[in-house]
Amino acid sequence: MKTFHLTIPELGMIVGTRAMIGAGIAFLLSGHLSLDQRKAVGWTLFLVGAVSSLPLGFELLAKRDEPSLAPGRD
């Protein structure tokens, strides 16, 4: 199993970017705003969340630990 050691602020940034992506998709699919407003808000949230996730993902991959070779650990 691969393990990742994250600080609380790093975890918060990852959760925040995922929430922005989800909120963007929700706005795109909802019917509470006009079509133009939905597209503007939805795509903005989605794209900002997606673009800001890239550097966090690269940082996370750089911090990963190799799998443990200790007996009894998968």
PDB file of N, CA and C in Angstrom:
ATOM      1  N   MET A   1       0.847  -1.169   0.000  1.00  0.00           N
ATOM      2  CA  MET A   1       0.000   0.000   0.000  1.00  0.00           C
ATOM      3  C   MET A   1       0.894   1.234   0.000  1.00  0.00           C
ATOM      4  N   LYS A   2       0.557   2.181  -0.811  1.00  0.00           N
ATOM      5  CA  LYS A   2       1.309   3.432  -0.854  1.00  0.00           C
ATOM      6  C   LYS A   2       0.750   4.380   0.193  1.00  0.00           C
ATOM      7  N   THR A   3       1.644   5.064   0.877  1.00  0.00           N
ATOM      8  CA  THR A   3       1.211   6.023   1.882  1.00  0.00           C
ATOM      9  C   THR A   3       1.652   7.416   1.487  1.00  0.00           C
ATOM     10  N   PHE A   4       0.879   8.375   1.909  1.00  0.00           N
ATOM     11  CA  PHE A   4       1.168   9.773   1.652  1.00  0.00           C
ATOM     12  C   PHE A   4       1.129  10.503   2.982  1.00  0.00           C
ATOM     13  N   HIS A   5       2.098  11.342   3.211  1.00  0.00           N
ATOM     14  CA  HIS A   5       2.137  12.139   4.431  1.00  0.00           C
ATOM     15  C   HIS A   5       1.794  13.571   4.056  1.00  0.00           C
ATOM     16  N   LEU A   6       0.625  14.018   4.511  1.00  0.00           N
ATOM     17  CA  LEU A   6       0.137  15.355   4.192  1.00  0.00           C
ATOM     18  C   LEU A   6      -0.011  16.176   5.460  1.00  0.00           C
ATOM     19  N   THR A   7       0.181  17.462   5.311  1.00  0.00           N
ATOM     20  CA  THR A   7      -0.121  18.366   6.413  1.00  0.00           C
ATOM     21  C   THR A   7      -1.600  18.739   6.324  1.00  0.00           C
ATOM     22  N   ILE A   8      -2.120  19.292   7.377  1.00  0.00           N
ATOM     23  CA  ILE A   8      -3.523  19.712   7.387  1.00  0.00           C
ATOM     24  C   ILE A   8      -3.798  20.754   6.297  1.00  0.00           C
ATOM     25  N   PRO A   9      -2.949  21.770   6.103  1.00  0.00           N
ATOM     26  CA  PRO A   9      -3.216  22.732   5.023  1.00  0.00           C
ATOM     27  C   PRO A   9      -3.202  22.090   3.633  1.00  0.00           C
ATOM     28  N   GLU A  10      -2.324  21.124   3.398  1.00  0.00           N
ATOM     29  CA  GLU A  10      -2.302  20.441   2.107  1.00  0.00           C
ATOM     30  C   GLU A  10      -3.583  19.658   1.887  1.00  0.00           C
ATOM     31  N   LEU A  11      -4.027  18.971   2.907  1.00  0.00           N
ATOM     32  CA  LEU A  11      -5.275  18.224   2.812  1.00  0.00           C
ATOM     33  C   LEU A  11      -6.446  19.166   2.560  1.00  0.00           C
ATOM     34  N   GLY A  12      -6.449  20.304   3.241  1.00  0.00           N
ATOM     35  CA  GLY A  12      -7.511  21.297   3.033  1.00  0.00           C
ATOM     36  C   GLY A  12      -7.537  21.836   1.616  1.00  0.00           C
ATOM     37  N   MET A  13      -6.355  22.061   1.029  1.00  0.00           N
ATOM     38  CA  MET A  13      -6.312  22.550  -0.348  1.00  0.00           C
ATOM     39  C   MET A  13      -6.826  21.497  -1.327  1.00  0.00           C
ATOM     40  N   ILE A  14      -6.486  20.243  -1.096  1.00  0.00           N
ATOM     41  CA  ILE A  14      -6.970  19.174  -1.964  1.00  0.00           C
ATOM     42  C   ILE A  14      -8.479  19.049  -1.862  1.00  0.00           C
ATOM     43  N   VAL A  15      -8.999  19.066  -0.650  1.00  0.00           N
ATOM     44  CA  VAL A  15     -10.448  18.983  -0.448  1.00  0.00           C
ATOM     45  C   VAL A  15     -11.148  20.196  -1.076  1.00  0.00           C
ATOM     46  N   GLY A  16     -10.553  21.377  -0.920  1.00  0.00           N
ATOM     47  CA  GLY A  16     -11.151  22.593  -1.485  1.00  0.00           C
ATOM     48  C   GLY A  16     -11.226  22.563  -2.995  1.00  0.00           C
ATOM     49  N   THR A  17     -10.172  22.073  -3.645  1.00  0.00           N
ATOM     50  CA  THR A  17     -10.208  22.020  -5.112  1.00  0.00           C
ATOM     51  C   THR A  17     -11.223  21.001  -5.592  1.00  0.00           C
ATOM     52  N   ARG A  18     -11.342  19.891  -4.906  1.00  0.00           N
ATOM     53  CA  ARG A  18     -12.356  18.890  -5.282  1.00  0.00           C
ATOM     54  C   ARG A  18     -13.763  19.441  -5.068  1.00  0.00           C
ATOM     55  N   ALA A  19     -13.945  20.207  -4.019  1.00  0.00           N
ATOM     56  CA  ALA A  19     -15.254  20.820  -3.765  1.00  0.00           C
ATOM     57  C   ALA A  19     -15.609  21.827  -4.853  1.00  0.00           C
ATOM     58  N   MET A  20     -14.617  22.582  -5.332  1.00  0.00           N
ATOM     59  CA  MET A  20     -14.870  23.537  -6.409  1.00  0.00           C
ATOM     60  C   MET A  20     -15.281  22.813  -7.692  1.00  0.00           C
ATOM     61  N   ILE A  21     -14.613  21.712  -7.994  1.00  0.00           N
ATOM     62  CA  ILE A  21     -14.979  20.940  -9.179  1.00  0.00           C
ATOM     63  C   ILE A  21     -16.411  20.426  -9.044  1.00  0.00           C
ATOM     64  N   GLY A  22     -16.748  19.895  -7.886  1.00  0.00           N
ATOM     65  CA  GLY A  22     -18.106  19.390  -7.659  1.00  0.00           C
ATOM     66  C   GLY A  22     -19.146  20.483  -7.711  1.00  0.00           C
ATOM     67  N   ALA A  23     -18.834  21.639  -7.144  1.00  0.00           N
ATOM     68  CA  ALA A  23     -19.787  22.757  -7.184  1.00  0.00           C
ATOM     69  C   ALA A  23     -19.981  23.244  -8.612  1.00  0.00           C
ATOM     70  N   GLY A  24     -18.909  23.267  -9.386  1.00  0.00           N
ATOM     71  CA  GLY A  24     -19.017  23.672 -10.784  1.00  0.00           C
ATOM     72  C   GLY A  24     -19.916  22.742 -11.570  1.00  0.00           C
ATOM     73  N   ILE A  25     -19.742  21.449 -11.372  1.00  0.00           N
ATOM     74  CA  ILE A  25     -20.590  20.464 -12.056  1.00  0.00           C
ATOM     75  C   ILE A  25     -22.033  20.608 -11.596  1.00  0.00           C
ATOM     76  N   ALA A  26     -22.231  20.830 -10.294  1.00  0.00           N
ATOM     77  CA  ALA A  26     -23.593  21.000  -9.777  1.00  0.00           C
ATOM     78  C   ALA A  26     -24.277  22.217 -10.394  1.00  0.00           C
ATOM     79  N   PHE A  27     -23.549  23.332 -10.531  1.00  0.00           N
ATOM     80  CA  PHE A  27     -24.138  24.512 -11.167  1.00  0.00           C
ATOM     81  C   PHE A  27     -24.477  24.243 -12.620  1.00  0.00           C
ATOM     82  N   LEU A  28     -23.616  23.512 -13.314  1.00  0.00           N
ATOM     83  CA  LEU A  28     -23.885  23.217 -14.716  1.00  0.00           C
ATOM     84  C   LEU A  28     -25.134  22.355 -14.882  1.00  0.00           C
ATOM     85  N   LEU A  29     -25.393  21.476 -13.928  1.00  0.00           N
ATOM     86  CA  LEU A  29     -26.534  20.572 -14.030  1.00  0.00           C
ATOM     87  C   LEU A  29     -27.809  21.101 -13.381  1.00  0.00           C
ATOM     88  N   SER A  30     -27.702  22.140 -12.578  1.00  0.00           N
ATOM     89  CA  SER A  30     -28.877  22.629 -11.854  1.00  0.00           C
ATOM     90  C   SER A  30     -29.758  23.484 -12.756  1.00  0.00           C
ATOM     91  N   GLY A  31     -30.942  23.776 -12.289  1.00  0.00           N
ATOM     92  CA  GLY A  31     -31.862  24.597 -13.046  1.00  0.00           C
ATOM     93  C   GLY A  31     -32.274  25.857 -12.308  1.00  0.00           C
ATOM     94  N   HIS A  32     -31.500  26.260 -11.295  1.00  0.00           N
ATOM     95  CA  HIS A  32     -31.888  27.382 -10.460  1.00  0.00           C
ATOM     96  C   HIS A  32     -31.461  28.739 -11.002  1.00  0.00           C
ATOM     97  N   LEU A  33     -30.528  28.771 -11.914  1.00  0.00           N
ATOM     98  CA  LEU A  33     -30.066  30.019 -12.504  1.00  0.00           C
ATOM     99  C   LEU A  33     -30.391  29.999 -13.995  1.00  0.00           C
ATOM    100  N   SER A  34     -30.262  31.148 -14.615  1.00  0.00           N
ATOM    101  CA  SER A  34     -30.453  31.172 -16.065  1.00  0.00           C
ATOM    102  C   SER A  34     -29.315  30.388 -16.726  1.00  0.00           C
ATOM    103  N   LEU A  35     -29.515  30.000 -17.960  1.00  0.00           N
ATOM    104  CA  LEU A  35     -28.527  29.187 -18.657  1.00  0.00           C
ATOM    105  C   LEU A  35     -27.172  29.885 -18.734  1.00  0.00           C
ATOM    106  N   ASP A  36     -27.161  31.178 -19.049  1.00  0.00           N
ATOM    107  CA  ASP A  36     -25.900  31.913 -19.137  1.00  0.00           C
ATOM    108  C   ASP A  36     -25.193  31.997 -17.786  1.00  0.00           C
ATOM    109  N   GLN A  37     -25.955  32.244 -16.721  1.00  0.00           N
ATOM    110  CA  GLN A  37     -25.360  32.310 -15.385  1.00  0.00           C
ATOM    111  C   GLN A  37     -24.799  30.955 -14.971  1.00  0.00           C
ATOM    112  N   ARG A  38     -25.559  29.893 -15.242  1.00  0.00           N
ATOM    113  CA  ARG A  38     -25.102  28.544 -14.899  1.00  0.00           C
ATOM    114  C   ARG A  38     -23.797  28.216 -15.604  1.00  0.00           C
ATOM    115  N   LYS A  39     -23.731  28.523 -16.885  1.00  0.00           N
ATOM    116  CA  LYS A  39     -22.516  28.224 -17.644  1.00  0.00           C
ATOM    117  C   LYS A  39     -21.336  29.030 -17.122  1.00  0.00           C
ATOM    118  N   ALA A  40     -21.547  30.309 -16.850  1.00  0.00           N
ATOM    119  CA  ALA A  40     -20.447  31.158 -16.389  1.00  0.00           C
ATOM    120  C   ALA A  40     -19.920  30.690 -15.037  1.00  0.00           C
ATOM    121  N   VAL A  41     -20.820  30.514 -14.086  1.00  0.00           N
ATOM    122  CA  VAL A  41     -20.406  30.114 -12.736  1.00  0.00           C
ATOM    123  C   VAL A  41     -19.888  28.678 -12.732  1.00  0.00           C
ATOM    124  N   GLY A  42     -20.604  27.786 -13.383  1.00  0.00           N
ATOM    125  CA  GLY A  42     -20.236  26.371 -13.380  1.00  0.00           C
ATOM    126  C   GLY A  42     -18.885  26.114 -14.009  1.00  0.00           C
ATOM    127  N   TRP A  43     -18.672  26.652 -15.207  1.00  0.00           N
ATOM    128  CA  TRP A  43     -17.392  26.428 -15.875  1.00  0.00           C
ATOM    129  C   TRP A  43     -16.239  27.109 -15.146  1.00  0.00           C
ATOM    130  N   THR A  44     -16.497  28.277 -14.573  1.00  0.00           N
ATOM    131  CA  THR A  44     -15.436  28.959 -13.825  1.00  0.00           C
ATOM    132  C   THR A  44     -15.004  28.134 -12.618  1.00  0.00           C
ATOM    133  N   LEU A  45     -15.963  27.675 -11.831  1.00  0.00           N
ATOM    134  CA  LEU A  45     -15.622  26.859 -10.661  1.00  0.00           C
ATOM    135  C   LEU A  45     -14.928  25.562 -11.074  1.00  0.00           C
ATOM    136  N   PHE A  46     -15.462  24.917 -12.097  1.00  0.00           N
ATOM    137  CA  PHE A  46     -14.883  23.657 -12.545  1.00  0.00           C
ATOM    138  C   PHE A  46     -13.442  23.845 -13.019  1.00  0.00           C
ATOM    139  N   LEU A  47     -13.218  24.837 -13.854  1.00  0.00           N
ATOM    140  CA  LEU A  47     -11.878  25.041 -14.413  1.00  0.00           C
ATOM    141  C   LEU A  47     -10.869  25.505 -13.363  1.00  0.00           C
ATOM    142  N   VAL A  48     -11.281  26.397 -12.471  1.00  0.00           N
ATOM    143  CA  VAL A  48     -10.368  26.834 -11.409  1.00  0.00           C
ATOM    144  C   VAL A  48     -10.014  25.654 -10.504  1.00  0.00           C
ATOM    145  N   GLY A  49     -10.994  24.842 -10.167  1.00  0.00           N
ATOM    146  CA  GLY A  49     -10.725  23.660  -9.345  1.00  0.00           C
ATOM    147  C   GLY A  49      -9.812  22.671 -10.043  1.00  0.00           C
ATOM    148  N   ALA A  50     -10.054  22.440 -11.326  1.00  0.00           N
ATOM    149  CA  ALA A  50      -9.231  21.486 -12.082  1.00  0.00           C
ATOM    150  C   ALA A  50      -7.805  21.988 -12.252  1.00  0.00           C
ATOM    151  N   VAL A  51      -7.653  23.252 -12.616  1.00  0.00           N
ATOM    152  CA  VAL A  51      -6.312  23.804 -12.834  1.00  0.00           C
ATOM    153  C   VAL A  51      -5.522  23.867 -11.533  1.00  0.00           C
ATOM    154  N   SER A  52      -6.170  24.217 -10.437  1.00  0.00           N
ATOM    155  CA  SER A  52      -5.455  24.291  -9.166  1.00  0.00           C
ATOM    156  C   SER A  52      -5.165  22.910  -8.589  1.00  0.00           C
ATOM    157  N   SER A  53      -5.833  21.873  -9.089  1.00  0.00           N
ATOM    158  CA  SER A  53      -5.556  20.509  -8.641  1.00  0.00           C
ATOM    159  C   SER A  53      -4.262  19.964  -9.229  1.00  0.00           C
ATOM    160  N   LEU A  54      -3.869  20.447 -10.385  1.00  0.00           N
ATOM    161  CA  LEU A  54      -2.678  19.906 -11.043  1.00  0.00           C
ATOM    162  C   LEU A  54      -1.410  20.052 -10.204  1.00  0.00           C
ATOM    163  N   PRO A  55      -1.057  21.254  -9.733  1.00  0.00           N
ATOM    164  CA  PRO A  55       0.165  21.342  -8.928  1.00  0.00           C
ATOM    165  C   PRO A  55       0.067  20.560  -7.616  1.00  0.00           C
ATOM    166  N   LEU A  56      -1.131  20.488  -7.044  1.00  0.00           N
ATOM    167  CA  LEU A  56      -1.296  19.712  -5.813  1.00  0.00           C
ATOM    168  C   LEU A  56      -1.082  18.229  -6.083  1.00  0.00           C
ATOM    169  N   GLY A  57      -1.567  17.756  -7.216  1.00  0.00           N
ATOM    170  CA  GLY A  57      -1.365  16.357  -7.576  1.00  0.00           C
ATOM    171  C   GLY A  57       0.091  16.023  -7.805  1.00  0.00           C
ATOM    172  N   PHE A  58       0.807  16.914  -8.489  1.00  0.00           N
ATOM    173  CA  PHE A  58       2.237  16.690  -8.705  1.00  0.00           C
ATOM    174  C   PHE A  58       2.998  16.688  -7.384  1.00  0.00           C
ATOM    175  N   GLU A  59       2.622  17.582  -6.487  1.00  0.00           N
ATOM    176  CA  GLU A  59       3.273  17.630  -5.172  1.00  0.00           C
ATOM    177  C   GLU A  59       2.994  16.353  -4.387  1.00  0.00           C
ATOM    178  N   LEU A  60       1.766  15.875  -4.464  1.00  0.00           N
ATOM    179  CA  LEU A  60       1.392  14.653  -3.765  1.00  0.00           C
ATOM    180  C   LEU A  60       2.173  13.461  -4.311  1.00  0.00           C
ATOM    181  N   LEU A  61       2.305  13.377  -5.624  1.00  0.00           N
ATOM    182  CA  LEU A  61       3.068  12.276  -6.209  1.00  0.00           C
ATOM    183  C   LEU A  61       4.542  12.338  -5.823  1.00  0.00           C
ATOM    184  N   ALA A  62       5.071  13.525  -5.673  1.00  0.00           N
ATOM    185  CA  ALA A  62       6.470  13.673  -5.279  1.00  0.00           C
ATOM    186  C   ALA A  62       6.694  13.272  -3.823  1.00  0.00           C
ATOM    187  N   LYS A  63       5.656  13.352  -2.999  1.00  0.00           N
ATOM    188  CA  LYS A  63       5.791  13.051  -1.572  1.00  0.00           C
ATOM    189  C   LYS A  63       5.492  11.598  -1.220  1.00  0.00           C
ATOM    190  N   ARG A  64       5.039  10.807  -2.172  1.00  0.00           N
ATOM    191  CA  ARG A  64       4.614   9.452  -1.817  1.00  0.00           C
ATOM    192  C   ARG A  64       5.796   8.615  -1.363  1.00  0.00           C
ATOM    193  N   ASP A  65       5.500   7.704  -0.476  1.00  0.00           N
ATOM    194  CA  ASP A  65       6.510   6.772   0.049  1.00  0.00           C
ATOM    195  C   ASP A  65       6.418   5.473  -0.737  1.00  0.00           C
ATOM    196  N   GLU A  66       7.530   4.799  -0.784  1.00  0.00           N
ATOM    197  CA  GLU A  66       7.539   3.481  -1.432  1.00  0.00           C
ATOM    198  C   GLU A  66       6.785   2.489  -0.551  1.00  0.00           C
ATOM    199  N   PRO A  67       6.229   1.443  -1.147  1.00  0.00           N
ATOM    200  CA  PRO A  67       5.523   0.441  -0.354  1.00  0.00           C
ATOM    201  C   PRO A  67       6.455  -0.200   0.673  1.00  0.00           C
ATOM    202  N   SER A  68       5.895  -0.499   1.817  1.00  0.00           N
ATOM    203  CA  SER A  68       6.674  -1.113   2.891  1.00  0.00           C
ATOM    204  C   SER A  68       6.953  -2.563   2.538  1.00  0.00           C
ATOM    205  N   LEU A  69       8.163  -3.021   2.802  1.00  0.00           N
ATOM    206  CA  LEU A  69       8.521  -4.416   2.566  1.00  0.00           C
ATOM    207  C   LEU A  69       8.484  -5.229   3.860  1.00  0.00           C
ATOM    208  N   ALA A  70       7.953  -4.637   4.913  1.00  0.00           N
ATOM    209  CA  ALA A  70       7.878  -5.330   6.191  1.00  0.00           C
ATOM    210  C   ALA A  70       6.915  -6.510   6.074  1.00  0.00           C
ATOM    211  N   PRO A  71       7.256  -7.648   6.712  1.00  0.00           N
ATOM    212  CA  PRO A  71       6.366  -8.809   6.640  1.00  0.00           C
ATOM    213  C   PRO A  71       5.015  -8.525   7.277  1.00  0.00           C
ATOM    214  N   GLY A  72       3.974  -9.059   6.655  1.00  0.00           N
ATOM    215  CA  GLY A  72       2.629  -8.917   7.204  1.00  0.00           C
ATOM    216  C   GLY A  72       1.941  -7.627   6.843  1.00  0.00           C
ATOM    217  N   ARG A  73       2.576  -6.808   6.037  1.00  0.00           N
ATOM    218  CA  ARG A  73       1.958  -5.528   5.645  1.00  0.00           C
ATOM    219  C   ARG A  73       1.720  -5.564   4.151  1.00  0.00           C
ATOM    220  N   ASP A  74       0.506  -5.319   3.738  1.00  0.00           N
ATOM    221  CA  ASP A  74       0.160  -5.293   2.309  1.00  0.00           C
ATOM    222  C   ASP A  74       0.102  -3.896   1.804  1.00  0.00           C
TER     223      ASP A  74
END
